[in-house]
Amino acid sequence: MVVCLATALVHVLLVFLHVAPPNPLSQQYSRQVDAWVFPLFEQNWRLFAPDPESVNRQISARTLHTAPDGSTQVSGWVDLTAVDNSAVKHNAFPSHTTQNMLRRAWSSYLETHVGDDRPRSQRALMMQQYLTNIAADRIAGRRHGTFESVQLRVITVPIAAPAAPASTSGADPAAAAPKPAETWYLPWWKVESHGN
């Protein structure tokens, strides 16, 4: 009973330090707080103040298999985003996981990999592995055969700003022009041979 009470108190204190505004105590123990909170108890305010998407992302994956003779076989791209969208469309009660797993995994990957594809922390390495597992599981469920590596391609298309009313004079037409799409190829990542 005492152990449960002590664990509950420590948990509440660590989560409080995580969500509280920065202060000397939370800064001093940030490593310990993050180790406890991530990934299971992460807190955010998106439910109350959502951050609307400003881009559409198409996340695709392909696989690499090395044959016994040493030749490599690269599969075609599988559009993982389209698979998620088709599972949600025309579904009166789509699962939260189907709607958000891939999108949140990619957002977390971007947050932990600043500017390149090299993980610089345990959390970054965990997010890379999580994204790899999602891609490998989804491809294994759709294709038969084995593969050793997976590569992701992310096409980011900015969402155009709403058009200004026609009565507004002096609107800058260049500001309303859509930005070009960006394509990001991630490196090949090894995958576990889990019956794929």
N, C-alpha and C. Protein backbone atom coordinates (compact mmCIF):
# COMPACT_ATOMS: atom_id res chain seq x y z
N MET A 1 0.82 -1.18 0.00
CA MET A 1 0.00 0.00 0.00
C MET A 1 0.87 1.26 0.00
N VAL A 2 1.91 1.27 0.81
CA VAL A 2 2.81 2.42 0.90
C VAL A 2 3.55 2.61 -0.42
N VAL A 3 3.96 1.51 -1.05
CA VAL A 3 4.67 1.58 -2.33
C VAL A 3 3.76 2.17 -3.41
N CYS A 4 2.50 1.75 -3.42
CA CYS A 4 1.54 2.29 -4.41
C CYS A 4 1.31 3.78 -4.19
N LEU A 5 1.17 4.19 -2.94
CA LEU A 5 0.96 5.60 -2.63
C LEU A 5 2.18 6.43 -3.01
N ALA A 6 3.36 5.93 -2.69
CA ALA A 6 4.59 6.65 -3.04
C ALA A 6 4.75 6.76 -4.55
N THR A 7 4.47 5.67 -5.29
CA THR A 7 4.56 5.70 -6.75
C THR A 7 3.57 6.69 -7.34
N ALA A 8 2.35 6.71 -6.80
CA ALA A 8 1.34 7.65 -7.29
C ALA A 8 1.76 9.09 -7.04
N LEU A 9 2.31 9.37 -5.88
CA LEU A 9 2.77 10.73 -5.56
C LEU A 9 3.92 11.16 -6.46
N VAL A 10 4.87 10.27 -6.67
CA VAL A 10 6.00 10.58 -7.57
C VAL A 10 5.49 10.82 -8.99
N HIS A 11 4.57 9.99 -9.43
CA HIS A 11 3.99 10.15 -10.77
C HIS A 11 3.32 11.52 -10.92
N VAL A 12 2.48 11.89 -9.98
CA VAL A 12 1.78 13.18 -10.04
C VAL A 12 2.79 14.32 -10.03
N LEU A 13 3.80 14.24 -9.21
CA LEU A 13 4.82 15.29 -9.14
C LEU A 13 5.56 15.41 -10.47
N LEU A 14 5.98 14.30 -11.06
CA LEU A 14 6.73 14.34 -12.32
C LEU A 14 5.88 14.84 -13.48
N VAL A 15 4.62 14.42 -13.54
CA VAL A 15 3.73 14.91 -14.59
C VAL A 15 3.46 16.39 -14.39
N PHE A 16 3.28 16.82 -13.15
CA PHE A 16 3.08 18.25 -12.87
C PHE A 16 4.29 19.06 -13.34
N LEU A 17 5.50 18.60 -13.05
CA LEU A 17 6.71 19.31 -13.49
C LEU A 17 6.80 19.35 -15.01
N HIS A 18 6.27 18.31 -15.65
CA HIS A 18 6.31 18.27 -17.12
C HIS A 18 5.37 19.32 -17.74
N VAL A 19 4.17 19.46 -17.19
CA VAL A 19 3.17 20.36 -17.79
C VAL A 19 3.25 21.78 -17.24
N ALA A 20 3.92 21.98 -16.13
CA ALA A 20 4.02 23.31 -15.52
C ALA A 20 4.91 24.21 -16.37
N PRO A 21 4.71 25.52 -16.28
CA PRO A 21 5.62 26.44 -16.98
C PRO A 21 7.06 26.21 -16.51
N PRO A 22 8.02 26.53 -17.37
CA PRO A 22 9.43 26.31 -16.98
C PRO A 22 9.76 27.02 -15.67
N ASN A 23 10.43 26.27 -14.80
CA ASN A 23 10.84 26.82 -13.50
C ASN A 23 12.15 26.15 -13.12
N PRO A 24 12.84 26.66 -12.12
CA PRO A 24 14.15 26.08 -11.76
C PRO A 24 14.09 24.60 -11.43
N LEU A 25 13.04 24.16 -10.75
CA LEU A 25 12.95 22.75 -10.37
C LEU A 25 12.75 21.85 -11.59
N SER A 26 11.84 22.25 -12.50
CA SER A 26 11.60 21.41 -13.68
C SER A 26 12.80 21.43 -14.62
N GLN A 27 13.54 22.54 -14.64
CA GLN A 27 14.73 22.59 -15.49
C GLN A 27 15.86 21.75 -14.91
N GLN A 28 15.99 21.76 -13.61
CA GLN A 28 17.05 20.99 -12.96
C GLN A 28 16.85 19.48 -13.15
N TYR A 29 15.59 19.04 -13.09
CA TYR A 29 15.29 17.61 -13.19
C TYR A 29 14.63 17.24 -14.51
N SER A 30 14.88 18.01 -15.56
CA SER A 30 14.21 17.77 -16.85
C SER A 30 14.53 16.38 -17.41
N ARG A 31 15.75 15.91 -17.23
CA ARG A 31 16.11 14.59 -17.76
C ARG A 31 15.30 13.49 -17.08
N GLN A 32 15.17 13.55 -15.77
CA GLN A 32 14.41 12.56 -15.04
C GLN A 32 12.92 12.66 -15.36
N VAL A 33 12.42 13.88 -15.46
CA VAL A 33 11.01 14.08 -15.78
C VAL A 33 10.70 13.51 -17.16
N ASP A 34 11.53 13.83 -18.16
CA ASP A 34 11.30 13.32 -19.52
C ASP A 34 11.41 11.80 -19.58
N ALA A 35 12.33 11.23 -18.83
CA ALA A 35 12.48 9.77 -18.82
C ALA A 35 11.22 9.10 -18.28
N TRP A 36 10.54 9.74 -17.34
CA TRP A 36 9.32 9.16 -16.76
C TRP A 36 8.11 9.41 -17.67
N VAL A 37 8.01 10.62 -18.21
CA VAL A 37 6.81 11.02 -18.94
C VAL A 37 6.75 10.41 -20.35
N PHE A 38 7.86 10.42 -21.07
CA PHE A 38 7.84 9.92 -22.46
C PHE A 38 8.09 8.43 -22.48
N PRO A 39 7.44 7.64 -23.27
CA PRO A 39 6.39 8.01 -24.21
C PRO A 39 4.99 7.80 -23.66
N LEU A 40 4.85 7.21 -22.48
CA LEU A 40 3.53 6.77 -22.02
C LEU A 40 2.63 7.84 -21.45
N PHE A 41 3.19 8.88 -20.84
CA PHE A 41 2.36 9.86 -20.15
C PHE A 41 2.45 11.25 -20.77
N GLU A 42 2.78 11.33 -22.04
CA GLU A 42 2.96 12.62 -22.69
C GLU A 42 1.68 13.46 -22.58
N GLN A 43 1.86 14.73 -22.27
CA GLN A 43 0.74 15.66 -22.13
C GLN A 43 0.85 16.74 -23.20
N ASN A 44 -0.27 17.11 -23.79
CA ASN A 44 -0.30 18.27 -24.68
C ASN A 44 -1.69 18.87 -24.62
N TRP A 45 -1.82 20.05 -25.21
CA TRP A 45 -3.07 20.79 -25.12
C TRP A 45 -3.81 20.77 -26.45
N ARG A 46 -3.51 19.88 -27.35
CA ARG A 46 -4.13 19.89 -28.67
C ARG A 46 -5.63 19.64 -28.64
N LEU A 47 -6.10 18.98 -27.62
CA LEU A 47 -7.54 18.75 -27.50
C LEU A 47 -8.27 20.08 -27.30
N PHE A 48 -7.69 20.99 -26.54
CA PHE A 48 -8.34 22.25 -26.22
C PHE A 48 -7.97 23.37 -27.18
N ALA A 49 -6.78 23.33 -27.73
CA ALA A 49 -6.34 24.37 -28.66
C ALA A 49 -5.64 23.69 -29.83
N PRO A 50 -6.40 23.08 -30.71
CA PRO A 50 -5.76 22.33 -31.79
C PRO A 50 -4.96 23.23 -32.72
N ASP A 51 -3.91 22.67 -33.24
CA ASP A 51 -3.06 23.37 -34.18
C ASP A 51 -3.42 22.84 -35.57
N PRO A 52 -4.20 23.61 -36.33
CA PRO A 52 -4.65 23.08 -37.62
C PRO A 52 -3.49 22.84 -38.57
N GLU A 53 -3.63 21.82 -39.37
CA GLU A 53 -2.60 21.48 -40.34
C GLU A 53 -2.49 22.58 -41.39
N SER A 54 -1.27 22.93 -41.74
CA SER A 54 -1.05 23.92 -42.80
C SER A 54 -0.50 23.25 -44.05
N VAL A 55 -0.30 21.93 -43.98
CA VAL A 55 0.20 21.17 -45.12
C VAL A 55 -0.52 19.82 -45.18
N ASN A 56 -0.55 19.27 -46.37
CA ASN A 56 -0.99 17.88 -46.55
C ASN A 56 0.25 17.05 -46.79
N ARG A 57 0.32 15.91 -46.13
CA ARG A 57 1.49 15.04 -46.31
C ARG A 57 1.05 13.69 -46.85
N GLN A 58 1.79 13.24 -47.84
CA GLN A 58 1.57 11.90 -48.39
C GLN A 58 2.81 11.09 -48.01
N ILE A 59 2.62 10.11 -47.15
CA ILE A 59 3.73 9.28 -46.69
C ILE A 59 3.63 7.94 -47.40
N SER A 60 4.69 7.60 -48.13
CA SER A 60 4.75 6.35 -48.88
C SER A 60 5.96 5.56 -48.41
N ALA A 61 5.93 4.26 -48.64
CA ALA A 61 7.05 3.40 -48.24
C ALA A 61 7.32 2.37 -49.33
N ARG A 62 8.57 1.96 -49.41
CA ARG A 62 8.95 0.86 -50.31
C ARG A 62 9.95 -0.02 -49.58
N THR A 63 10.12 -1.22 -50.09
CA THR A 63 10.97 -2.20 -49.40
C THR A 63 12.13 -2.62 -50.27
N LEU A 64 13.13 -3.17 -49.61
CA LEU A 64 14.33 -3.69 -50.28
C LEU A 64 14.56 -5.12 -49.80
N HIS A 65 14.78 -6.00 -50.75
CA HIS A 65 15.05 -7.40 -50.41
C HIS A 65 16.32 -7.83 -51.15
N THR A 66 17.23 -8.46 -50.43
CA THR A 66 18.45 -8.99 -51.04
C THR A 66 18.26 -10.48 -51.26
N ALA A 67 18.33 -10.88 -52.52
CA ALA A 67 18.16 -12.28 -52.89
C ALA A 67 19.40 -13.08 -52.51
N PRO A 68 19.30 -14.41 -52.44
CA PRO A 68 20.46 -15.24 -52.09
C PRO A 68 21.65 -15.04 -53.04
N ASP A 69 21.39 -14.67 -54.30
CA ASP A 69 22.50 -14.47 -55.23
C ASP A 69 23.14 -13.09 -55.09
N GLY A 70 22.66 -12.28 -54.14
CA GLY A 70 23.26 -10.97 -53.89
C GLY A 70 22.57 -9.82 -54.61
N SER A 71 21.65 -10.12 -55.50
CA SER A 71 20.94 -9.05 -56.20
C SER A 71 19.90 -8.43 -55.27
N THR A 72 19.62 -7.17 -55.50
CA THR A 72 18.63 -6.49 -54.66
C THR A 72 17.37 -6.22 -55.46
N GLN A 73 16.26 -6.34 -54.78
CA GLN A 73 14.96 -6.07 -55.39
C GLN A 73 14.28 -4.98 -54.58
N VAL A 74 13.92 -3.88 -55.28
CA VAL A 74 13.24 -2.75 -54.64
C VAL A 74 11.80 -2.76 -55.11
N SER A 75 10.88 -2.70 -54.17
CA SER A 75 9.45 -2.72 -54.50
C SER A 75 9.01 -1.33 -54.97
N GLY A 76 7.79 -1.27 -55.46
CA GLY A 76 7.18 0.01 -55.78
C GLY A 76 6.72 0.69 -54.49
N TRP A 77 6.35 1.95 -54.61
CA TRP A 77 5.89 2.71 -53.45
C TRP A 77 4.48 2.31 -53.05
N VAL A 78 4.24 2.20 -51.74
CA VAL A 78 2.91 1.97 -51.18
C VAL A 78 2.52 3.26 -50.46
N ASP A 79 1.41 3.85 -50.85
CA ASP A 79 0.94 5.11 -50.25
C ASP A 79 0.24 4.81 -48.93
N LEU A 80 0.97 4.94 -47.82
CA LEU A 80 0.42 4.65 -46.50
C LEU A 80 -0.66 5.64 -46.10
N THR A 81 -0.52 6.88 -46.53
CA THR A 81 -1.52 7.90 -46.22
C THR A 81 -2.84 7.56 -46.89
N ALA A 82 -2.79 7.11 -48.15
CA ALA A 82 -4.02 6.75 -48.86
C ALA A 82 -4.69 5.55 -48.19
N VAL A 83 -3.90 4.62 -47.68
CA VAL A 83 -4.47 3.47 -46.97
C VAL A 83 -5.23 3.94 -45.74
N ASP A 84 -4.64 4.87 -44.98
CA ASP A 84 -5.31 5.43 -43.81
C ASP A 84 -6.58 6.18 -44.20
N ASN A 85 -6.47 7.00 -45.23
CA ASN A 85 -7.63 7.79 -45.67
C ASN A 85 -8.78 6.90 -46.12
N SER A 86 -8.46 5.81 -46.82
CA SER A 86 -9.53 4.91 -47.28
C SER A 86 -10.17 4.17 -46.11
N ALA A 87 -9.41 3.93 -45.05
CA ALA A 87 -9.97 3.26 -43.87
C ALA A 87 -10.90 4.19 -43.09
N VAL A 88 -10.70 5.50 -43.22
CA VAL A 88 -11.52 6.48 -42.51
C VAL A 88 -12.73 6.90 -43.32
N LYS A 89 -12.55 7.03 -44.65
CA LYS A 89 -13.62 7.51 -45.52
C LYS A 89 -14.79 6.51 -45.50
N HIS A 90 -15.98 7.02 -45.42
CA HIS A 90 -17.22 6.24 -45.40
C HIS A 90 -17.33 5.33 -44.18
N ASN A 91 -16.54 5.60 -43.15
CA ASN A 91 -16.62 4.84 -41.91
C ASN A 91 -17.28 5.74 -40.87
N ALA A 92 -18.45 5.35 -40.39
CA ALA A 92 -19.17 6.19 -39.43
C ALA A 92 -18.43 6.32 -38.11
N PHE A 93 -17.65 5.32 -37.74
CA PHE A 93 -16.91 5.34 -36.49
C PHE A 93 -15.46 4.94 -36.72
N PRO A 94 -14.68 5.80 -37.40
CA PRO A 94 -13.28 5.44 -37.67
C PRO A 94 -12.47 5.42 -36.37
N SER A 95 -11.50 4.56 -36.35
CA SER A 95 -10.70 4.45 -35.13
C SER A 95 -9.74 5.63 -35.04
N HIS A 96 -9.49 6.04 -33.82
CA HIS A 96 -8.55 7.14 -33.56
C HIS A 96 -7.15 6.74 -34.04
N THR A 97 -6.80 5.49 -33.88
CA THR A 97 -5.50 5.00 -34.32
C THR A 97 -5.36 5.13 -35.83
N THR A 98 -6.38 4.72 -36.56
CA THR A 98 -6.33 4.80 -38.02
C THR A 98 -6.16 6.24 -38.47
N GLN A 99 -6.82 7.15 -37.79
CA GLN A 99 -6.76 8.55 -38.20
C GLN A 99 -5.43 9.21 -37.87
N ASN A 100 -4.80 8.82 -36.78
CA ASN A 100 -3.69 9.61 -36.26
C ASN A 100 -2.34 8.93 -36.11
N MET A 101 -2.26 7.62 -36.13
CA MET A 101 -1.01 6.95 -35.82
C MET A 101 0.15 7.40 -36.73
N LEU A 102 -0.05 7.30 -38.02
CA LEU A 102 1.01 7.64 -38.97
C LEU A 102 1.33 9.13 -38.91
N ARG A 103 0.30 9.97 -38.88
CA ARG A 103 0.49 11.42 -38.86
C ARG A 103 1.24 11.86 -37.60
N ARG A 104 0.85 11.33 -36.45
CA ARG A 104 1.52 11.69 -35.19
C ARG A 104 2.95 11.13 -35.13
N ALA A 105 3.15 9.94 -35.69
CA ALA A 105 4.51 9.38 -35.71
C ALA A 105 5.42 10.27 -36.54
N TRP A 106 4.92 10.76 -37.68
CA TRP A 106 5.73 11.63 -38.52
C TRP A 106 5.98 12.97 -37.84
N SER A 107 4.97 13.54 -37.19
CA SER A 107 5.16 14.81 -36.47
C SER A 107 6.19 14.66 -35.37
N SER A 108 6.14 13.57 -34.64
CA SER A 108 7.11 13.33 -33.58
C SER A 108 8.50 13.11 -34.14
N TYR A 109 8.58 12.44 -35.30
CA TYR A 109 9.88 12.25 -35.95
C TYR A 109 10.48 13.60 -36.30
N LEU A 110 9.67 14.50 -36.86
CA LEU A 110 10.17 15.83 -37.23
C LEU A 110 10.63 16.61 -36.00
N GLU A 111 9.90 16.48 -34.90
CA GLU A 111 10.27 17.19 -33.68
C GLU A 111 11.59 16.71 -33.11
N THR A 112 11.90 15.43 -33.28
CA THR A 112 13.10 14.87 -32.66
C THR A 112 14.31 14.82 -33.60
N HIS A 113 14.10 14.98 -34.89
CA HIS A 113 15.19 14.98 -35.87
C HIS A 113 15.27 16.37 -36.47
N VAL A 114 16.06 17.21 -35.88
CA VAL A 114 16.12 18.61 -36.29
C VAL A 114 17.01 18.75 -37.52
N GLY A 115 16.38 18.97 -38.67
CA GLY A 115 17.13 19.31 -39.88
C GLY A 115 17.77 18.17 -40.65
N ASP A 116 17.88 16.99 -40.06
CA ASP A 116 18.48 15.87 -40.79
C ASP A 116 17.87 14.57 -40.27
N ASP A 117 18.41 13.46 -40.73
CA ASP A 117 17.85 12.16 -40.36
C ASP A 117 18.71 11.41 -39.35
N ARG A 118 19.49 12.14 -38.56
CA ARG A 118 20.32 11.49 -37.55
C ARG A 118 19.71 11.65 -36.16
N PRO A 119 19.37 10.55 -35.49
CA PRO A 119 18.82 10.66 -34.14
C PRO A 119 19.90 11.13 -33.16
N ARG A 120 19.55 12.12 -32.35
CA ARG A 120 20.51 12.67 -31.39
C ARG A 120 20.11 12.40 -29.94
N SER A 121 19.06 11.62 -29.75
CA SER A 121 18.63 11.29 -28.39
C SER A 121 17.94 9.93 -28.43
N GLN A 122 17.69 9.39 -27.26
CA GLN A 122 16.99 8.12 -27.17
C GLN A 122 15.57 8.25 -27.70
N ARG A 123 14.92 9.40 -27.43
CA ARG A 123 13.57 9.63 -27.93
C ARG A 123 13.56 9.67 -29.46
N ALA A 124 14.56 10.32 -30.05
CA ALA A 124 14.65 10.40 -31.51
C ALA A 124 14.83 9.00 -32.10
N LEU A 125 15.66 8.20 -31.48
CA LEU A 125 15.87 6.82 -31.93
C LEU A 125 14.59 6.00 -31.79
N MET A 126 13.86 6.22 -30.70
CA MET A 126 12.60 5.51 -30.48
C MET A 126 11.57 5.92 -31.54
N MET A 127 11.49 7.21 -31.89
CA MET A 127 10.53 7.67 -32.89
C MET A 127 10.88 7.12 -34.27
N GLN A 128 12.16 7.03 -34.57
CA GLN A 128 12.60 6.45 -35.84
C GLN A 128 12.19 4.98 -35.92
N GLN A 129 12.38 4.25 -34.84
CA GLN A 129 12.00 2.83 -34.81
C GLN A 129 10.49 2.67 -34.89
N TYR A 130 9.76 3.55 -34.25
CA TYR A 130 8.30 3.52 -34.27
C TYR A 130 7.79 3.73 -35.70
N LEU A 131 8.33 4.71 -36.39
CA LEU A 131 7.94 4.99 -37.77
C LEU A 131 8.31 3.82 -38.68
N THR A 132 9.47 3.23 -38.46
CA THR A 132 9.90 2.07 -39.23
C THR A 132 8.94 0.90 -39.02
N ASN A 133 8.56 0.66 -37.77
CA ASN A 133 7.65 -0.45 -37.46
C ASN A 133 6.28 -0.26 -38.09
N ILE A 134 5.77 0.98 -38.06
CA ILE A 134 4.47 1.24 -38.68
C ILE A 134 4.53 0.91 -40.17
N ALA A 135 5.57 1.41 -40.85
CA ALA A 135 5.71 1.17 -42.29
C ALA A 135 5.87 -0.32 -42.58
N ALA A 136 6.74 -1.00 -41.84
CA ALA A 136 6.99 -2.42 -42.09
C ALA A 136 5.74 -3.25 -41.86
N ASP A 137 5.00 -2.96 -40.79
CA ASP A 137 3.78 -3.72 -40.49
C ASP A 137 2.72 -3.51 -41.57
N ARG A 138 2.58 -2.29 -42.02
CA ARG A 138 1.55 -2.02 -43.03
C ARG A 138 1.90 -2.62 -44.38
N ILE A 139 3.17 -2.58 -44.73
CA ILE A 139 3.58 -3.19 -46.01
C ILE A 139 3.46 -4.71 -45.92
N ALA A 140 3.89 -5.28 -44.80
CA ALA A 140 3.80 -6.74 -44.64
C ALA A 140 2.35 -7.21 -44.71
N GLY A 141 1.42 -6.38 -44.26
CA GLY A 141 0.01 -6.74 -44.31
C GLY A 141 -0.58 -6.66 -45.71
N ARG A 142 0.07 -5.94 -46.61
CA ARG A 142 -0.46 -5.74 -47.96
C ARG A 142 0.29 -6.54 -49.03
N ARG A 143 1.53 -6.92 -48.74
CA ARG A 143 2.35 -7.62 -49.73
C ARG A 143 2.87 -8.92 -49.13
N HIS A 144 3.07 -9.86 -49.99
CA HIS A 144 3.64 -11.13 -49.53
C HIS A 144 5.11 -11.15 -49.92
N GLY A 145 5.91 -11.79 -49.12
CA GLY A 145 7.33 -11.87 -49.38
C GLY A 145 8.11 -11.21 -48.26
N THR A 146 9.41 -11.43 -48.27
CA THR A 146 10.26 -10.90 -47.21
C THR A 146 10.97 -9.65 -47.69
N PHE A 147 11.40 -8.87 -46.73
CA PHE A 147 12.22 -7.69 -47.02
C PHE A 147 13.05 -7.39 -45.79
N GLU A 148 14.19 -6.75 -46.02
CA GLU A 148 15.11 -6.45 -44.92
C GLU A 148 15.15 -4.97 -44.56
N SER A 149 14.77 -4.11 -45.50
CA SER A 149 14.84 -2.67 -45.26
C SER A 149 13.60 -1.99 -45.80
N VAL A 150 13.33 -0.83 -45.24
CA VAL A 150 12.19 -0.02 -45.68
C VAL A 150 12.67 1.42 -45.83
N GLN A 151 12.11 2.11 -46.81
CA GLN A 151 12.42 3.52 -47.02
C GLN A 151 11.12 4.30 -47.10
N LEU A 152 11.10 5.49 -46.51
CA LEU A 152 9.92 6.34 -46.55
C LEU A 152 10.16 7.53 -47.47
N ARG A 153 9.09 7.95 -48.12
CA ARG A 153 9.09 9.17 -48.93
C ARG A 153 7.92 10.01 -48.43
N VAL A 154 8.20 11.26 -48.14
CA VAL A 154 7.16 12.15 -47.64
C VAL A 154 7.04 13.34 -48.59
N ILE A 155 5.86 13.48 -49.19
CA ILE A 155 5.58 14.60 -50.07
C ILE A 155 4.73 15.58 -49.29
N THR A 156 5.23 16.79 -49.12
CA THR A 156 4.54 17.82 -48.35
C THR A 156 3.99 18.86 -49.32
N VAL A 157 2.68 19.02 -49.29
CA VAL A 157 2.01 19.99 -50.15
C VAL A 157 1.37 21.05 -49.26
N PRO A 158 1.84 22.31 -49.34
CA PRO A 158 1.23 23.35 -48.51
C PRO A 158 -0.23 23.56 -48.87
N ILE A 159 -1.05 23.82 -47.87
CA ILE A 159 -2.46 24.12 -48.10
C ILE A 159 -2.55 25.60 -48.46
N ALA A 160 -3.16 25.90 -49.58
CA ALA A 160 -3.27 27.28 -50.04
C ALA A 160 -4.13 28.09 -49.08
N ALA A 161 -3.74 29.34 -48.89
CA ALA A 161 -4.53 30.25 -48.06
C ALA A 161 -5.85 30.54 -48.76
N PRO A 162 -6.90 30.80 -47.99
CA PRO A 162 -8.17 31.11 -48.63
C PRO A 162 -8.04 32.37 -49.49
N ALA A 163 -8.77 32.38 -50.58
CA ALA A 163 -8.71 33.53 -51.49
C ALA A 163 -9.32 34.74 -50.81
N ALA A 164 -8.72 35.90 -51.08
CA ALA A 164 -9.24 37.15 -50.54
C ALA A 164 -10.53 37.51 -51.26
N PRO A 165 -11.45 38.19 -50.58
CA PRO A 165 -12.68 38.60 -51.26
C PRO A 165 -12.38 39.46 -52.47
N ALA A 166 -13.22 39.38 -53.49
CA ALA A 166 -13.00 40.12 -54.73
C ALA A 166 -13.05 41.62 -54.53
N SER A 167 -13.74 42.07 -53.49
CA SER A 167 -13.86 43.50 -53.25
C SER A 167 -12.59 44.11 -52.69
N THR A 168 -11.67 43.27 -52.21
CA THR A 168 -10.43 43.78 -51.64
C THR A 168 -9.50 44.18 -52.76
N SER A 169 -9.16 45.45 -52.78
CA SER A 169 -8.24 45.91 -53.82
C SER A 169 -6.84 45.96 -53.24
N GLY A 170 -5.88 45.82 -54.11
CA GLY A 170 -4.49 45.89 -53.69
C GLY A 170 -3.98 44.61 -53.08
N ALA A 171 -4.73 43.50 -53.18
CA ALA A 171 -4.26 42.22 -52.64
C ALA A 171 -3.07 41.75 -53.46
N ASP A 172 -2.10 41.21 -52.80
CA ASP A 172 -0.88 40.75 -53.47
C ASP A 172 -1.13 39.37 -54.07
N PRO A 173 -1.17 39.25 -55.42
CA PRO A 173 -1.43 37.94 -56.02
C PRO A 173 -0.33 36.93 -55.74
N ALA A 174 0.89 37.39 -55.52
CA ALA A 174 1.99 36.46 -55.23
C ALA A 174 1.81 35.80 -53.87
N ALA A 175 1.17 36.52 -52.93
CA ALA A 175 0.96 35.95 -51.59
C ALA A 175 -0.02 34.79 -51.63
N ALA A 176 -0.97 34.81 -52.60
CA ALA A 176 -1.97 33.75 -52.69
C ALA A 176 -1.48 32.56 -53.52
N ALA A 177 -0.35 32.72 -54.22
CA ALA A 177 0.16 31.63 -55.05
C ALA A 177 0.60 30.47 -54.17
N PRO A 178 0.20 29.25 -54.53
CA PRO A 178 0.60 28.10 -53.70
C PRO A 178 2.10 27.83 -53.79
N LYS A 179 2.64 27.39 -52.69
CA LYS A 179 4.06 27.02 -52.67
C LYS A 179 4.21 25.64 -53.30
N PRO A 180 5.38 25.36 -53.87
CA PRO A 180 5.56 24.04 -54.49
C PRO A 180 5.65 22.92 -53.44
N ALA A 181 5.33 21.73 -53.89
CA ALA A 181 5.43 20.55 -53.02
C ALA A 181 6.89 20.22 -52.77
N GLU A 182 7.17 19.68 -51.60
CA GLU A 182 8.52 19.24 -51.25
C GLU A 182 8.51 17.73 -51.06
N THR A 183 9.52 17.07 -51.57
CA THR A 183 9.64 15.62 -51.42
C THR A 183 10.88 15.31 -50.59
N TRP A 184 10.69 14.47 -49.58
CA TRP A 184 11.77 14.12 -48.66
C TRP A 184 11.91 12.60 -48.68
N TYR A 185 13.09 12.12 -49.04
CA TYR A 185 13.39 10.69 -49.02
C TYR A 185 14.21 10.40 -47.77
N LEU A 186 13.70 9.52 -46.92
CA LEU A 186 14.44 9.11 -45.74
C LEU A 186 15.41 7.99 -46.12
N PRO A 187 16.43 7.75 -45.32
CA PRO A 187 17.36 6.67 -45.64
C PRO A 187 16.69 5.30 -45.50
N TRP A 188 17.36 4.28 -46.04
CA TRP A 188 16.88 2.91 -45.87
C TRP A 188 17.11 2.51 -44.43
N TRP A 189 16.06 1.96 -43.79
CA TRP A 189 16.17 1.51 -42.40
C TRP A 189 15.97 -0.01 -42.37
N LYS A 190 16.83 -0.67 -41.61
CA LYS A 190 16.70 -2.11 -41.41
C LYS A 190 15.45 -2.41 -40.59
N VAL A 191 14.80 -3.52 -40.90
CA VAL A 191 13.61 -3.93 -40.16
C VAL A 191 13.83 -5.32 -39.59
N GLU A 192 13.12 -5.58 -38.51
CA GLU A 192 13.16 -6.91 -37.90
C GLU A 192 12.47 -7.88 -38.84
N SER A 193 12.93 -9.09 -38.89
CA SER A 193 12.30 -10.11 -39.72
C SER A 193 11.18 -10.74 -38.91
N HIS A 194 10.04 -10.05 -38.83
CA HIS A 194 8.92 -10.52 -38.01
C HIS A 194 7.85 -11.15 -38.89
N GLY A 195 8.26 -12.08 -39.73
CA GLY A 195 7.31 -12.81 -40.55
C GLY A 195 6.85 -12.03 -41.76
N ASN A 196 7.64 -11.01 -42.15
CA ASN A 196 7.23 -10.22 -43.30
C ASN A 196 7.63 -10.92 -44.59
